[in-house]
Amino acid sequence: MSTAQQIITVAAVVAATVLTRALPFIIFPEGRKPPKFISWLAGVLPFAVIGMLVVYCLRSAVFSDLHALPELMAIAFTAGLHLWRKNTLLSIAGGTVFYMFLVQQVF
C-alpha cells in the first residue's frame, strides 16, 4: 500500500469507530428514552456475545481422549473466578493467563 492508501485506510477506520461510538448518543440524546427493543437488546447482547465467543473458542477443540482438558479447566477457572470476584476484566484476563499456563507448562 502506498502512503496515501494507508492514510485513507486509517482515516476510514477512525471515522467508522467514532461514528459507531457517537451514533447512540446522537440517536438517543439525554432525556429521550430508547425503545423497549433497544433496552432489551442492551440486556441480552452481552450474554449472547460471551456465549458465541465460548462456542467460537471451542470450535476446534477435540473432545476425545481428554484433549480438551485445558480448555475445560480454563472455562471452569474463568467461571469460578467470575462468580467469586464479579469482575469481568479480571475473569477474562485470569482465564486467559490460566489457559496459557496450562497449554505451555502443563500439557
C-alpha atoms as a PDB file:
ATOM      1  CA  MET A   1       0.000   0.000   0.000  1.00  0.00           C
ATOM      2  CA  SER A   2       1.152   3.475  -0.742  1.00  0.00           C
ATOM      3  CA  THR A   3       1.343   6.135   1.932  1.00  0.00           C
ATOM      4  CA  ALA A   4      -1.822   7.785   0.636  1.00  0.00           C
ATOM      5  CA  GLN A   5      -3.701   4.469   0.768  1.00  0.00           C
ATOM      6  CA  GLN A   6      -2.502   3.865   4.315  1.00  0.00           C
ATOM      7  CA  ILE A   7      -3.678   7.319   5.403  1.00  0.00           C
ATOM      8  CA  ILE A   8      -7.070   6.783   3.758  1.00  0.00           C
ATOM      9  CA  THR A   9      -7.413   3.380   5.417  1.00  0.00           C
ATOM     10  CA  VAL A  10      -6.561   4.742   8.868  1.00  0.00           C
ATOM     11  CA  ALA A  11      -8.930   7.682   8.360  1.00  0.00           C
ATOM     12  CA  ALA A  12     -11.746   5.325   7.342  1.00  0.00           C
ATOM     13  CA  VAL A  13     -11.182   3.157  10.409  1.00  0.00           C
ATOM     14  CA  VAL A  14     -11.100   6.206  12.693  1.00  0.00           C
ATOM     15  CA  ALA A  15     -14.289   7.605  11.132  1.00  0.00           C
ATOM     16  CA  ALA A  16     -16.105   4.277  11.465  1.00  0.00           C
ATOM     17  CA  THR A  17     -15.023   3.923  15.089  1.00  0.00           C
ATOM     18  CA  VAL A  18     -16.076   7.461  16.022  1.00  0.00           C
ATOM     19  CA  LEU A  19     -19.395   7.020  14.214  1.00  0.00           C
ATOM     20  CA  THR A  20     -20.238   3.755  15.965  1.00  0.00           C
ATOM     21  CA  ARG A  21     -19.316   5.245  19.356  1.00  0.00           C
ATOM     22  CA  ALA A  22     -21.199   8.515  18.841  1.00  0.00           C
ATOM     23  CA  LEU A  23     -24.266   7.225  16.984  1.00  0.00           C
ATOM     24  CA  PRO A  24     -26.186   6.050  20.083  1.00  0.00           C
ATOM     25  CA  PHE A  25     -25.731   9.464  21.698  1.00  0.00           C
ATOM     26  CA  ILE A  26     -26.888  11.192  18.519  1.00  0.00           C
ATOM     27  CA  ILE A  27     -29.954   8.966  18.068  1.00  0.00           C
ATOM     28  CA  PHE A  28     -30.898   8.899  21.775  1.00  0.00           C
ATOM     29  CA  PRO A  29     -29.857  12.209  23.350  1.00  0.00           C
ATOM     30  CA  GLU A  30     -30.194  12.765  27.077  1.00  0.00           C
ATOM     31  CA  GLY A  31     -33.825  12.888  28.070  1.00  0.00           C
ATOM     32  CA  ARG A  32     -35.049  10.738  25.180  1.00  0.00           C
ATOM     33  CA  LYS A  33     -35.868   7.196  26.212  1.00  0.00           C
ATOM     34  CA  PRO A  34     -34.781   4.426  23.802  1.00  0.00           C
ATOM     35  CA  PRO A  35     -37.413   1.987  22.516  1.00  0.00           C
ATOM     36  CA  LYS A  36     -38.111  -1.135  24.584  1.00  0.00           C
ATOM     37  CA  PHE A  37     -36.470  -3.331  21.942  1.00  0.00           C
ATOM     38  CA  ILE A  38     -33.184  -1.410  22.235  1.00  0.00           C
ATOM     39  CA  SER A  39     -33.305  -1.683  26.037  1.00  0.00           C
ATOM     40  CA  TRP A  40     -33.981  -5.422  25.721  1.00  0.00           C
ATOM     41  CA  LEU A  41     -31.010  -5.810  23.353  1.00  0.00           C
ATOM     42  CA  ALA A  42     -28.795  -3.970  25.834  1.00  0.00           C
ATOM     43  CA  GLY A  43     -29.727  -6.570  28.440  1.00  0.00           C
ATOM     44  CA  VAL A  44     -29.284  -9.732  26.373  1.00  0.00           C
ATOM     45  CA  LEU A  45     -26.485  -8.969  23.904  1.00  0.00           C
ATOM     46  CA  PRO A  46     -23.576  -9.174  26.377  1.00  0.00           C
ATOM     47  CA  PHE A  47     -24.586 -12.722  27.341  1.00  0.00           C
ATOM     48  CA  ALA A  48     -25.135 -13.694  23.713  1.00  0.00           C
ATOM     49  CA  VAL A  49     -21.709 -12.384  22.725  1.00  0.00           C
ATOM     50  CA  ILE A  50     -19.973 -14.264  25.541  1.00  0.00           C
ATOM     51  CA  GLY A  51     -21.816 -17.461  24.581  1.00  0.00           C
ATOM     52  CA  MET A  52     -20.822 -17.012  20.953  1.00  0.00           C
ATOM     53  CA  LEU A  53     -17.185 -16.418  21.945  1.00  0.00           C
ATOM     54  CA  VAL A  54     -17.152 -19.626  24.014  1.00  0.00           C
ATOM     55  CA  VAL A  55     -18.527 -21.617  21.089  1.00  0.00           C
ATOM     56  CA  TYR A  56     -16.050 -19.963  18.711  1.00  0.00           C
ATOM     57  CA  CYS A  57     -13.110 -20.706  21.004  1.00  0.00           C
ATOM     58  CA  LEU A  58     -14.113 -24.354  21.400  1.00  0.00           C
ATOM     59  CA  ARG A  59     -14.863 -24.956  17.705  1.00  0.00           C
ATOM     60  CA  SER A  60     -11.578 -26.728  17.042  1.00  0.00           C
ATOM     61  CA  ALA A  61     -11.168 -28.449  20.414  1.00  0.00           C
ATOM     62  CA  VAL A  62     -11.037 -32.232  20.244  1.00  0.00           C
ATOM     63  CA  PHE A  63     -13.242 -33.711  22.982  1.00  0.00           C
ATOM     64  CA  SER A  64     -11.987 -37.293  22.690  1.00  0.00           C
ATOM     65  CA  ASP A  65      -9.327 -38.790  24.974  1.00  0.00           C
ATOM     66  CA  LEU A  66      -9.394 -35.650  27.176  1.00  0.00           C
ATOM     67  CA  HIS A  67      -7.595 -33.500  24.576  1.00  0.00           C
ATOM     68  CA  ALA A  68      -9.865 -30.596  25.512  1.00  0.00           C
ATOM     69  CA  LEU A  69      -8.940 -30.771  29.189  1.00  0.00           C
ATOM     70  CA  PRO A  70      -7.032 -27.436  29.229  1.00  0.00           C
ATOM     71  CA  GLU A  71      -9.977 -25.662  27.595  1.00  0.00           C
ATOM     72  CA  LEU A  72     -12.484 -27.154  30.021  1.00  0.00           C
ATOM     73  CA  MET A  73     -10.261 -26.391  33.014  1.00  0.00           C
ATOM     74  CA  ALA A  74      -9.821 -22.786  31.828  1.00  0.00           C
ATOM     75  CA  ILE A  75     -13.586 -22.381  31.366  1.00  0.00           C
ATOM     76  CA  ALA A  76     -14.228 -23.709  34.870  1.00  0.00           C
ATOM     77  CA  PHE A  77     -11.493 -21.452  36.285  1.00  0.00           C
ATOM     78  CA  THR A  78     -12.899 -18.396  34.489  1.00  0.00           C
ATOM     79  CA  ALA A  79     -16.456 -19.125  35.640  1.00  0.00           C
ATOM     80  CA  GLY A  80     -15.317 -19.700  39.228  1.00  0.00           C
ATOM     81  CA  LEU A  81     -13.220 -16.543  39.234  1.00  0.00           C
ATOM     82  CA  HIS A  82     -16.143 -14.526  37.904  1.00  0.00           C
ATOM     83  CA  LEU A  83     -18.583 -15.968  40.450  1.00  0.00           C
ATOM     84  CA  TRP A  84     -16.087 -15.199  43.210  1.00  0.00           C
ATOM     85  CA  ARG A  85     -14.986 -11.665  42.239  1.00  0.00           C
ATOM     86  CA  LYS A  86     -17.787 -10.447  39.893  1.00  0.00           C
ATOM     87  CA  ASN A  87     -15.203  -8.623  37.760  1.00  0.00           C
ATOM     88  CA  THR A  88     -15.407  -9.258  34.024  1.00  0.00           C
ATOM     89  CA  LEU A  89     -11.949  -7.924  33.165  1.00  0.00           C
ATOM     90  CA  LEU A  90     -10.335  -9.974  35.932  1.00  0.00           C
ATOM     91  CA  SER A  91     -12.231 -13.073  34.825  1.00  0.00           C
ATOM     92  CA  ILE A  92     -11.180 -12.745  31.189  1.00  0.00           C
ATOM     93  CA  ALA A  93      -7.553 -11.926  31.992  1.00  0.00           C
ATOM     94  CA  GLY A  94      -7.297 -14.593  34.692  1.00  0.00           C
ATOM     95  CA  GLY A  95      -8.845 -17.257  32.481  1.00  0.00           C
ATOM     96  CA  THR A  96      -6.532 -16.363  29.609  1.00  0.00           C
ATOM     97  CA  VAL A  97      -3.419 -16.466  31.803  1.00  0.00           C
ATOM     98  CA  PHE A  98      -4.534 -19.771  33.354  1.00  0.00           C
ATOM     99  CA  TYR A  99      -5.192 -21.313  29.925  1.00  0.00           C
ATOM    100  CA  MET A 100      -1.842 -20.152  28.551  1.00  0.00           C
ATOM    101  CA  PHE A 101      -0.097 -21.566  31.625  1.00  0.00           C
ATOM    102  CA  LEU A 102      -1.836 -24.914  31.137  1.00  0.00           C
ATOM    103  CA  VAL A 103      -1.035 -25.109  27.438  1.00  0.00           C
ATOM    104  CA  GLN A 104       2.588 -24.006  27.723  1.00  0.00           C
ATOM    105  CA  GLN A 105       3.670 -25.587  31.009  1.00  0.00           C
ATOM    106  CA  VAL A 106       1.358 -28.483  31.878  1.00  0.00           C
ATOM    107  CA  PHE A 107       0.028 -30.063  28.683  1.00  0.00           C
END
